C-alpha atoms as a PDB file:
ATOM      1  CA  MET A   1       0.000   0.000   0.000  1.00  0.00           C
ATOM      2  CA  HIS A   2       1.409   3.364  -1.014  1.00  0.00           C
ATOM      3  CA  SER A   3       1.487   6.192   1.496  1.00  0.00           C
ATOM      4  CA  LEU A   4       0.350   9.592   0.294  1.00  0.00           C
ATOM      5  CA  ALA A   5       0.286  11.286   3.685  1.00  0.00           C
ATOM      6  CA  GLY A   6       1.721  14.755   3.379  1.00  0.00           C
ATOM      7  CA  ALA A   7       2.667  14.241  -0.256  1.00  0.00           C
ATOM      8  CA  ALA A   8       0.382  16.947  -1.625  1.00  0.00           C
ATOM      9  CA  ILE A   9      -0.708  18.778   1.504  1.00  0.00           C
ATOM     10  CA  ASP A  10       0.684  19.705   4.924  1.00  0.00           C
ATOM     11  CA  GLU A  11      -0.890  17.199   7.317  1.00  0.00           C
ATOM     12  CA  THR A  12      -0.863  19.632  10.221  1.00  0.00           C
ATOM     13  CA  ASN A  13      -2.840  22.526   8.716  1.00  0.00           C
ATOM     14  CA  VAL A  14      -6.527  23.302   9.076  1.00  0.00           C
ATOM     15  CA  SER A  15      -7.392  22.055   5.594  1.00  0.00           C
ATOM     16  CA  ALA A  16      -5.726  18.697   6.196  1.00  0.00           C
ATOM     17  CA  CYS A  17      -7.752  18.285   9.380  1.00  0.00           C
ATOM     18  CA  PHE A  18     -10.957  18.869   7.426  1.00  0.00           C
ATOM     19  CA  TYR A  19      -9.943  16.442   4.699  1.00  0.00           C
ATOM     20  CA  ARG A  20      -8.928  13.796   7.239  1.00  0.00           C
ATOM     21  CA  ASP A  21     -12.189  14.264   9.150  1.00  0.00           C
ATOM     22  CA  ALA A  22     -14.075  13.816   5.869  1.00  0.00           C
ATOM     23  CA  LEU A  23     -12.196  10.627   4.958  1.00  0.00           C
ATOM     24  CA  GLU A  24     -12.793   9.147   8.399  1.00  0.00           C
ATOM     25  CA  ALA A  25     -16.465  10.156   8.512  1.00  0.00           C
ATOM     26  CA  LEU A  26     -17.230   8.865   5.015  1.00  0.00           C
ATOM     27  CA  THR A  27     -15.465   5.601   5.775  1.00  0.00           C
ATOM     28  CA  ALA A  28     -17.310   5.180   9.079  1.00  0.00           C
ATOM     29  CA  ALA A  29     -20.621   5.884   7.324  1.00  0.00           C
ATOM     30  CA  GLY A  30     -19.892   3.181   4.756  1.00  0.00           C
ATOM     31  CA  GLU A  31     -20.106   5.595   1.830  1.00  0.00           C
ATOM     32  CA  ARG A  32     -18.478   4.634  -1.462  1.00  0.00           C
ATOM     33  CA  PHE A  33     -16.000   7.303  -2.525  1.00  0.00           C
ATOM     34  CA  LEU A  34     -12.652   7.655  -4.247  1.00  0.00           C
ATOM     35  CA  VAL A  35      -9.859  10.159  -3.725  1.00  0.00           C
ATOM     36  CA  GLY A  36      -8.656  11.919  -6.859  1.00  0.00           C
ATOM     37  CA  GLY A  37      -6.843  15.116  -7.750  1.00  0.00           C
ATOM     38  CA  SER A  38      -3.307  15.690  -6.532  1.00  0.00           C
ATOM     39  CA  HIS A  39      -3.370  12.712  -4.176  1.00  0.00           C
ATOM     40  CA  ALA A  40      -4.135  10.298  -6.981  1.00  0.00           C
ATOM     41  CA  LEU A  41      -1.589  12.003  -9.214  1.00  0.00           C
ATOM     42  CA  VAL A  42       1.254  11.562  -6.740  1.00  0.00           C
ATOM     43  CA  HIS A  43       0.315   7.893  -6.326  1.00  0.00           C
ATOM     44  CA  TYR A  44       0.547   7.265 -10.077  1.00  0.00           C
ATOM     45  CA  THR A  45       3.422   9.578 -10.988  1.00  0.00           C
ATOM     46  CA  GLY A  46       5.343  10.499  -7.846  1.00  0.00           C
ATOM     47  CA  ILE A  47       4.729  14.168  -8.637  1.00  0.00           C
ATOM     48  CA  ALA A  48       3.495  16.076  -5.575  1.00  0.00           C
ATOM     49  CA  ARG A  49       1.364  19.133  -6.131  1.00  0.00           C
ATOM     50  CA  HIS A  50       0.186  21.525  -3.444  1.00  0.00           C
ATOM     51  CA  THR A  51      -3.452  22.424  -4.051  1.00  0.00           C
ATOM     52  CA  LYS A  52      -6.093  24.484  -2.266  1.00  0.00           C
ATOM     53  CA  ASP A  53      -8.831  21.872  -2.389  1.00  0.00           C
ATOM     54  CA  PHE A  54      -9.429  18.141  -2.093  1.00  0.00           C
ATOM     55  CA  ASP A  55     -11.169  16.006  -4.718  1.00  0.00           C
ATOM     56  CA  ILE A  56     -13.338  13.022  -3.973  1.00  0.00           C
ATOM     57  CA  PHE A  57     -15.441  11.084  -6.462  1.00  0.00           C
ATOM     58  CA  CYS A  58     -18.741   9.320  -5.921  1.00  0.00           C
ATOM     59  CA  ARG A  59     -21.654   8.073  -7.987  1.00  0.00           C
ATOM     60  CA  ARG A  60     -24.358  10.567  -8.903  1.00  0.00           C
ATOM     61  CA  ALA A  61     -26.906   8.581  -6.885  1.00  0.00           C
ATOM     62  CA  ASP A  62     -24.756   8.954  -3.748  1.00  0.00           C
ATOM     63  CA  ILE A  63     -24.041  12.694  -3.841  1.00  0.00           C
ATOM     64  CA  HIS A  64     -26.677  13.749  -1.304  1.00  0.00           C
ATOM     65  CA  ARG A  65     -25.572  11.139   1.241  1.00  0.00           C
ATOM     66  CA  VAL A  66     -21.933  12.130   0.831  1.00  0.00           C
ATOM     67  CA  LEU A  67     -22.767  15.806   1.327  1.00  0.00           C
ATOM     68  CA  SER A  68     -24.859  14.907   4.377  1.00  0.00           C
ATOM     69  CA  VAL A  69     -21.806  13.256   5.952  1.00  0.00           C
ATOM     70  CA  LEU A  70     -19.788  16.405   5.273  1.00  0.00           C
ATOM     71  CA  ARG A  71     -22.477  18.516   6.958  1.00  0.00           C
ATOM     72  CA  ASP A  72     -22.231  16.232   9.990  1.00  0.00           C
ATOM     73  CA  ILE A  73     -18.585  17.278  10.431  1.00  0.00           C
ATOM     74  CA  GLY A  74     -19.420  20.981  10.211  1.00  0.00           C
ATOM     75  CA  ALA A  75     -19.212  21.655   6.484  1.00  0.00           C
ATOM     76  CA  ARG A  76     -21.463  23.930   4.503  1.00  0.00           C
ATOM     77  CA  THR A  77     -22.472  22.102   1.333  1.00  0.00           C
ATOM     78  CA  GLU A  78     -23.849  23.008  -2.070  1.00  0.00           C
ATOM     79  CA  ILE A  79     -24.366  21.600  -5.546  1.00  0.00           C
ATOM     80  CA  PRO A  80     -23.402  24.557  -7.746  1.00  0.00           C
ATOM     81  CA  PHE A  81     -23.477  22.567 -11.000  1.00  0.00           C
ATOM     82  CA  PRO A  82     -26.057  19.747 -10.908  1.00  0.00           C
ATOM     83  CA  HIS A  83     -24.576  17.924 -13.882  1.00  0.00           C
ATOM     84  CA  TRP A  84     -21.264  17.118 -12.203  1.00  0.00           C
ATOM     85  CA  LEU A  85     -20.200  18.718  -8.918  1.00  0.00           C
ATOM     86  CA  GLY A  86     -21.008  19.246  -5.247  1.00  0.00           C
ATOM     87  CA  LYS A  87     -18.882  21.129  -2.715  1.00  0.00           C
ATOM     88  CA  GLY A  88     -18.178  21.060   0.995  1.00  0.00           C
ATOM     89  CA  HIS A  89     -16.741  24.126   2.727  1.00  0.00           C
ATOM     90  CA  ARG A  90     -15.341  24.356   6.249  1.00  0.00           C
ATOM     91  CA  ASP A  91     -13.515  27.502   7.297  1.00  0.00           C
ATOM     92  CA  ASP A  92     -11.429  28.355   4.226  1.00  0.00           C
ATOM     93  CA  SER A  93     -11.071  24.738   3.103  1.00  0.00           C
ATOM     94  CA  LEU A  94     -12.878  23.106   0.197  1.00  0.00           C
ATOM     95  CA  ILE A  95     -13.762  19.575  -0.842  1.00  0.00           C
ATOM     96  CA  ASP A  96     -15.007  19.014  -4.384  1.00  0.00           C
ATOM     97  CA  VAL A  97     -17.390  16.065  -4.622  1.00  0.00           C
ATOM     98  CA  ILE A  98     -17.332  14.976  -8.264  1.00  0.00           C
ATOM     99  CA  TYR A  99     -19.748  12.556  -9.905  1.00  0.00           C
ATOM    100  CA  CYS A 100     -19.129  13.394 -13.560  1.00  0.00           C
ATOM    101  CA  SER A 101     -16.688  15.504 -15.558  1.00  0.00           C
ATOM    102  CA  GLY A 102     -17.485  19.143 -16.208  1.00  0.00           C
ATOM    103  CA  ASN A 103     -18.157  18.394 -19.865  1.00  0.00           C
ATOM    104  CA  GLY A 104     -20.715  15.738 -18.946  1.00  0.00           C
ATOM    105  CA  VAL A 105     -18.738  12.829 -20.445  1.00  0.00           C
ATOM    106  CA  ALA A 106     -16.849  10.965 -17.707  1.00  0.00           C
ATOM    107  CA  GLU A 107     -19.681   9.781 -15.461  1.00  0.00           C
ATOM    108  CA  VAL A 108     -18.596   8.008 -12.266  1.00  0.00           C
ATOM    109  CA  ASP A 109     -20.015   4.480 -12.348  1.00  0.00           C
ATOM    110  CA  ASP A 110     -19.412   1.174 -10.571  1.00  0.00           C
ATOM    111  CA  ARG A 111     -16.414   0.371 -12.750  1.00  0.00           C
ATOM    112  CA  TRP A 112     -14.492   3.255 -11.194  1.00  0.00           C
ATOM    113  CA  PHE A 113     -14.741   1.369  -7.897  1.00  0.00           C
ATOM    114  CA  GLN A 114     -14.030  -2.072  -9.342  1.00  0.00           C
ATOM    115  CA  HIS A 115     -10.588  -0.958 -10.523  1.00  0.00           C
ATOM    116  CA  ALA A 116      -9.676   1.481  -7.718  1.00  0.00           C
ATOM    117  CA  PRO A 117      -6.363   0.888  -5.900  1.00  0.00           C
ATOM    118  CA  THR A 118      -6.029   1.453  -2.169  1.00  0.00           C
ATOM    119  CA  ALA A 119      -3.577   3.878  -0.578  1.00  0.00           C
ATOM    120  CA  GLU A 120      -3.031   5.785   2.619  1.00  0.00           C
ATOM    121  CA  VAL A 121      -4.215   9.371   2.325  1.00  0.00           C
ATOM    122  CA  LEU A 122      -3.508  11.702   5.253  1.00  0.00           C
ATOM    123  CA  GLY A 123      -3.182   8.674   7.493  1.00  0.00           C
ATOM    124  CA  VAL A 124      -6.492   7.162   6.387  1.00  0.00           C
ATOM    125  CA  ARG A 125      -6.810   4.072   4.221  1.00  0.00           C
ATOM    126  CA  ALA A 126      -8.799   5.079   1.122  1.00  0.00           C
ATOM    127  CA  ARG A 127      -9.385   4.077  -2.476  1.00  0.00           C
ATOM    128  CA  LEU A 128      -8.174   6.200  -5.374  1.00  0.00           C
ATOM    129  CA  ALA A 129      -9.709   7.103  -8.730  1.00  0.00           C
ATOM    130  CA  PRO A 130      -8.190   4.574 -11.193  1.00  0.00           C
ATOM    131  CA  ALA A 131      -5.460   5.713 -13.554  1.00  0.00           C
ATOM    132  CA  GLU A 132      -7.571   4.905 -16.623  1.00  0.00           C
ATOM    133  CA  GLU A 133     -10.545   6.964 -15.457  1.00  0.00           C
ATOM    134  CA  THR A 134      -8.220   9.761 -14.354  1.00  0.00           C
ATOM    135  CA  ILE A 135      -6.829   9.904 -17.902  1.00  0.00           C
ATOM    136  CA  TRP A 136     -10.364   9.784 -19.325  1.00  0.00           C
ATOM    137  CA  SER A 137     -11.565  12.756 -17.306  1.00  0.00           C
ATOM    138  CA  LYS A 138      -8.388  14.828 -17.615  1.00  0.00           C
ATOM    139  CA  ALA A 139      -7.884  14.296 -21.355  1.00  0.00           C
ATOM    140  CA  PHE A 140     -10.781  16.592 -22.253  1.00  0.00           C
ATOM    141  CA  ILE A 141      -9.589  19.588 -20.200  1.00  0.00           C
ATOM    142  CA  MET A 142      -8.193  22.010 -22.786  1.00  0.00           C
ATOM    143  CA  GLU A 143      -9.334  25.432 -21.619  1.00  0.00           C
ATOM    144  CA  ARG A 144      -7.422  28.600 -22.398  1.00  0.00           C
ATOM    145  CA  GLU A 145      -6.650  28.904 -18.690  1.00  0.00           C
ATOM    146  CA  ARG A 146      -6.117  25.201 -17.956  1.00  0.00           C
ATOM    147  CA  PHE A 147      -4.750  22.238 -19.888  1.00  0.00           C
ATOM    148  CA  ASP A 148      -4.429  18.845 -18.187  1.00  0.00           C
ATOM    149  CA  GLY A 149      -2.457  17.225 -20.986  1.00  0.00           C
ATOM    150  CA  GLY A 150       0.684  17.355 -18.869  1.00  0.00           C
ATOM    151  CA  ASP A 151      -0.960  15.229 -16.193  1.00  0.00           C
ATOM    152  CA  VAL A 152      -2.105  12.766 -18.852  1.00  0.00           C
ATOM    153  CA  SER A 153       1.439  12.467 -20.209  1.00  0.00           C
ATOM    154  CA  HIS A 154       2.907  11.977 -16.749  1.00  0.00           C
ATOM    155  CA  ILE A 155       0.461   9.141 -16.043  1.00  0.00           C
ATOM    156  CA  LEU A 156       1.200   7.556 -19.419  1.00  0.00           C
ATOM    157  CA  LEU A 157       4.925   7.794 -18.692  1.00  0.00           C
ATOM    158  CA  SER A 158       4.702   6.111 -15.305  1.00  0.00           C
ATOM    159  CA  GLN A 159       1.764   3.746 -15.851  1.00  0.00           C
ATOM    160  CA  GLY A 160       1.654   3.095 -19.607  1.00  0.00           C
ATOM    161  CA  PRO A 161       2.724  -0.581 -19.542  1.00  0.00           C
ATOM    162  CA  HIS A 162       0.311  -1.325 -16.680  1.00  0.00           C
ATOM    163  CA  LEU A 163      -2.830   0.362 -17.987  1.00  0.00           C
ATOM    164  CA  ASP A 164      -5.926  -1.555 -18.997  1.00  0.00           C
ATOM    165  CA  TRP A 165      -5.847  -0.301 -22.570  1.00  0.00           C
ATOM    166  CA  ALA A 166      -8.986  -2.147 -23.620  1.00  0.00           C
ATOM    167  CA  ARG A 167     -10.948  -0.394 -20.865  1.00  0.00           C
ATOM    168  CA  LEU A 168      -9.352   2.939 -21.675  1.00  0.00           C
ATOM    169  CA  LEU A 169     -10.332   2.659 -25.341  1.00  0.00           C
ATOM    170  CA  GLU A 170     -13.831   1.676 -24.287  1.00  0.00           C
ATOM    171  CA  ARG A 171     -14.082   4.675 -21.978  1.00  0.00           C
ATOM    172  CA  PHE A 172     -13.296   7.113 -24.773  1.00  0.00           C
ATOM    173  CA  GLY A 173     -15.653   5.351 -27.168  1.00  0.00           C
ATOM    174  CA  ARG A 174     -16.523   7.539 -30.142  1.00  0.00           C
ATOM    175  CA  HIS A 175     -14.350  10.297 -28.649  1.00  0.00           C
ATOM    176  CA  TRP A 176     -11.239   8.195 -29.323  1.00  0.00           C
ATOM    177  CA  ARG A 177      -9.604  11.015 -31.283  1.00  0.00           C
ATOM    178  CA  VAL A 178      -9.056  12.852 -27.986  1.00  0.00           C
ATOM    179  CA  LEU A 179      -7.095   9.907 -26.594  1.00  0.00           C
ATOM    180  CA  TYR A 180      -5.185   9.499 -29.860  1.00  0.00           C
ATOM    181  CA  ALA A 181      -4.172  13.157 -29.774  1.00  0.00           C
ATOM    182  CA  HIS A 182      -2.671  12.713 -26.306  1.00  0.00           C
ATOM    183  CA  LEU A 183      -0.857   9.551 -27.359  1.00  0.00           C
ATOM    184  CA  VAL A 184       0.647  11.267 -30.395  1.00  0.00           C
ATOM    185  CA  LEU A 185       1.747  14.179 -28.202  1.00  0.00           C
ATOM    186  CA  PHE A 186       3.242  11.724 -25.705  1.00  0.00           C
ATOM    187  CA  GLY A 187       5.536  10.419 -28.436  1.00  0.00           C
ATOM    188  CA  PHE A 188       6.636  13.985 -29.118  1.00  0.00           C
ATOM    189  CA  ILE A 189       7.153  14.841 -25.433  1.00  0.00           C
ATOM    190  CA  TYR A 190       9.040  11.632 -24.570  1.00  0.00           C
ATOM    191  CA  PRO A 191      10.438  10.238 -27.851  1.00  0.00           C
ATOM    192  CA  SER A 192      12.597   7.663 -26.088  1.00  0.00           C
ATOM    193  CA  GLU A 193       9.544   6.323 -24.230  1.00  0.00           C
ATOM    194  CA  ARG A 194       7.161   5.751 -27.136  1.00  0.00           C
ATOM    195  CA  ALA A 195       7.211   2.004 -26.469  1.00  0.00           C
ATOM    196  CA  ARG A 196       5.300   2.627 -23.234  1.00  0.00           C
ATOM    197  CA  ILE A 197       2.237   2.956 -25.448  1.00  0.00           C
ATOM    198  CA  PRO A 198       1.434  -0.486 -26.911  1.00  0.00           C
ATOM    199  CA  ARG A 199       2.069  -0.651 -30.635  1.00  0.00           C
ATOM    200  CA  ALA A 200      -1.279  -2.413 -31.076  1.00  0.00           C
ATOM    201  CA  VAL A 201      -3.094   0.575 -29.541  1.00  0.00           C
ATOM    202  CA  MET A 202      -1.378   3.059 -31.841  1.00  0.00           C
ATOM    203  CA  GLY A 203      -2.085   0.806 -34.805  1.00  0.00           C
ATOM    204  CA  GLU A 204      -5.745   0.451 -33.896  1.00  0.00           C
ATOM    205  CA  LEU A 205      -6.227   4.197 -33.595  1.00  0.00           C
ATOM    206  CA  ALA A 206      -4.259   4.929 -36.758  1.00  0.00           C
ATOM    207  CA  GLY A 207      -6.528   2.504 -38.575  1.00  0.00           C
ATOM    208  CA  ARG A 208      -9.629   4.182 -37.203  1.00  0.00           C
ATOM    209  CA  LEU A 209      -8.300   7.536 -38.365  1.00  0.00           C
ATOM    210  CA  ALA A 210      -7.657   6.255 -41.880  1.00  0.00           C
ATOM    211  CA  ARG A 211     -11.118   4.692 -42.126  1.00  0.00           C
ATOM    212  CA  GLU A 212     -12.834   7.795 -40.781  1.00  0.00           C
ATOM    213  CA  GLU A 213     -10.959  10.121 -43.124  1.00  0.00           C
ATOM    214  CA  SER A 214     -12.291   8.095 -46.060  1.00  0.00           C
ATOM    215  CA  CYS A 215     -15.882   8.738 -44.919  1.00  0.00           C
ATOM    216  CA  PRO A 216     -16.238  12.508 -44.370  1.00  0.00           C
ATOM    217  CA  GLU A 217     -18.733  13.696 -41.745  1.00  0.00           C
ATOM    218  CA  THR A 218     -21.640  15.621 -43.238  1.00  0.00           C
ATOM    219  CA  ARG A 219     -23.313  16.741 -40.023  1.00  0.00           C
ATOM    220  CA  ARG A 220     -22.191  20.254 -39.050  1.00  0.00           C
ATOM    221  CA  VAL A 221     -21.477  19.683 -35.364  1.00  0.00           C
ATOM    222  CA  THR A 222     -18.676  20.834 -33.069  1.00  0.00           C
ATOM    223  CA  TYR A 223     -17.417  18.795 -30.156  1.00  0.00           C
ATOM    224  CA  GLY A 224     -15.180  21.677 -29.157  1.00  0.00           C
ATOM    225  CA  PRO A 225     -17.294  22.410 -26.042  1.00  0.00           C
ATOM    226  CA  LEU A 226     -16.298  19.003 -24.683  1.00  0.00           C
ATOM    227  CA  LEU A 227     -12.737  20.355 -24.568  1.00  0.00           C
ATOM    228  CA  SER A 228     -13.417  23.976 -23.624  1.00  0.00           C
ATOM    229  CA  ARG A 229     -16.699  25.419 -22.445  1.00  0.00           C
ATOM    230  CA  ALA A 230     -15.760  28.855 -23.816  1.00  0.00           C
ATOM    231  CA  GLN A 231     -13.549  28.731 -26.880  1.00  0.00           C
ATOM    232  CA  TYR A 232     -15.985  27.165 -29.358  1.00  0.00           C
ATOM    233  CA  LEU A 233     -19.140  29.048 -28.380  1.00  0.00           C
ATOM    234  CA  PRO A 234     -19.036  31.637 -31.211  1.00  0.00           C
ATOM    235  CA  GLU A 235     -19.691  28.977 -33.866  1.00  0.00           C
ATOM    236  CA  ILE A 236     -22.625  27.611 -31.842  1.00  0.00           C
ATOM    237  CA  GLU A 237     -24.100  30.987 -30.969  1.00  0.00           C
ATOM    238  CA  THR A 238     -24.091  32.086 -34.610  1.00  0.00           C
ATOM    239  CA  GLY A 239     -25.776  28.845 -35.653  1.00  0.00           C
ATOM    240  CA  ARG A 240     -22.914  27.632 -37.838  1.00  0.00           C
ATOM    241  CA  PHE A 241     -22.541  24.373 -35.895  1.00  0.00           C
ATOM    242  CA  GLU A 242     -24.661  22.183 -33.660  1.00  0.00           C
ATOM    243  CA  ASP A 243     -23.532  21.775 -30.052  1.00  0.00           C
ATOM    244  CA  GLY A 244     -22.044  18.284 -29.649  1.00  0.00           C
ATOM    245  CA  ARG A 245     -23.049  18.296 -25.991  1.00  0.00           C
ATOM    246  CA  HIS A 246     -26.561  17.349 -27.090  1.00  0.00           C
ATOM    247  CA  ASP A 247     -25.358  13.873 -28.078  1.00  0.00           C
ATOM    248  CA  ALA A 248     -26.464  10.890 -26.004  1.00  0.00           C
ATOM    249  CA  GLU A 249     -22.988  10.232 -24.570  1.00  0.00           C
ATOM    250  CA  VAL A 250     -23.001  13.596 -22.773  1.00  0.00           C
ATOM    251  CA  HIS A 251     -24.813  13.793 -19.445  1.00  0.00           C
ATOM    252  CA  MET A 252     -26.017  17.409 -19.626  1.00  0.00           C
ATOM    253  CA  THR A 253     -29.414  18.995 -20.198  1.00  0.00           C
ATOM    254  CA  GLN A 254     -29.805  22.284 -22.049  1.00  0.00           C
ATOM    255  CA  ASP A 255     -30.502  24.050 -18.734  1.00  0.00           C
ATOM    256  CA  GLU A 256     -27.263  22.635 -17.331  1.00  0.00           C
ATOM    257  CA  ILE A 257     -25.356  23.720 -20.452  1.00  0.00           C
ATOM    258  CA  ASP A 258     -26.788  27.225 -20.069  1.00  0.00           C
ATOM    259  CA  LEU A 259     -25.785  27.386 -16.385  1.00  0.00           C
ATOM    260  CA  TRP A 260     -22.286  26.104 -17.171  1.00  0.00           C
ATOM    261  CA  THR A 261     -21.988  28.821 -19.822  1.00  0.00           C
ATOM    262  CA  ARG A 262     -23.343  31.696 -17.712  1.00  0.00           C
ATOM    263  CA  VAL A 263     -20.659  31.337 -15.063  1.00  0.00           C
ATOM    264  CA  ILE A 264     -17.733  31.611 -17.466  1.00  0.00           C
ATOM    265  CA  ASP A 265     -15.606  34.526 -16.408  1.00  0.00           C
ATOM    266  CA  ASP A 266     -15.528  37.294 -18.987  1.00  0.00           C
ATOM    267  CA  GLU A 267     -11.758  37.061 -19.227  1.00  0.00           C
ATOM    268  CA  VAL A 268     -11.969  33.457 -20.406  1.00  0.00           C
ATOM    269  CA  ARG A 269     -13.844  34.313 -23.577  1.00  0.00           C
ATOM    270  CA  PRO A 270     -12.791  37.788 -24.822  1.00  0.00           C
ATOM    271  CA  HIS A 271     -12.749  36.495 -28.400  1.00  0.00           C
ATOM    272  CA  ALA A 272     -16.540  36.259 -28.338  1.00  0.00           C
ATOM    273  CA  ARG A 273     -16.833  40.012 -27.867  1.00  0.00           C
ATOM    274  CA  ASP A 274     -13.854  40.878 -30.051  1.00  0.00           C
ATOM    275  CA  GLU A 275     -15.430  39.049 -32.996  1.00  0.00           C
ATOM    276  CA  GLY A 276     -18.743  40.803 -32.542  1.00  0.00           C
ATOM    277  CA  HIS A 277     -20.584  37.847 -30.983  1.00  0.00           C
ATOM    278  CA  ASP A 278     -22.946  38.370 -28.070  1.00  0.00           C
ATOM    279  CA  PRO A 279     -22.477  35.479 -25.588  1.00  0.00           C
ATOM    280  CA  ASP A 280     -25.878  36.104 -23.994  1.00  0.00           C
ATOM    281  CA  ARG A 281     -27.869  36.469 -27.203  1.00  0.00           C
ATOM    282  CA  ARG A 282     -29.373  32.965 -26.998  1.00  0.00           C
ATOM    283  CA  ARG A 283     -30.700  33.532 -23.494  1.00  0.00           C
ATOM    284  CA  ARG A 284     -32.559  36.793 -24.169  1.00  0.00           C
END
């Protein structure tokens, strides 16, 4: 069992006490949860990162029970974005309770728990978000202000030969191009380590690309919003492209898409105004 205590956070500070209380309370209550974020990253890569919050994952059906446990230890809770995220606040400390990815793709299901390793987090025995599902959720984060491709490459570097590649390919499904893009970049970032990605996987995805290129897509749709909630809005708002978030694989309603769009900070999407687009036109 790996020890993560103190790897990504000072065990003695107020935040660590809150996080430890949460781990102990959730465990005592018998709730199913996984630790993710920086604590999972250090387990898989050895790279410690000091963060201001703590990520736990649960199934959507369990979110209210998990938040209830956090309230029992003095936290103020909320569900700011119903399609993916709850929060627990105590003093100035924050726990994110995640049951899907922000783009509505990487839903937490039972298979997350079936493949979760166990580690010691802040002195408490806990299960971690699996490496494959961590890659799946992080691979889509390509905002102007945040890009998680580095984390994906670090996990591939350290865990590549040990990953369940069949499950990883299944997780990405028809969004396999996103995974392929990260794998191609990995070979650029670490040219001497390309063999850490199975040749059969690269061959399979190269074949898919060749077959898809021979059958051009006629539907005018953009899946850009699955990568960035801001950067591809102008084409949707002007009606040039359909929003790919309406596809069945994405767990978001139109109301949830609208809420997720409304909270984008103005600085994240200046191009929308610079190009003469009105971000709020659809909602008037």
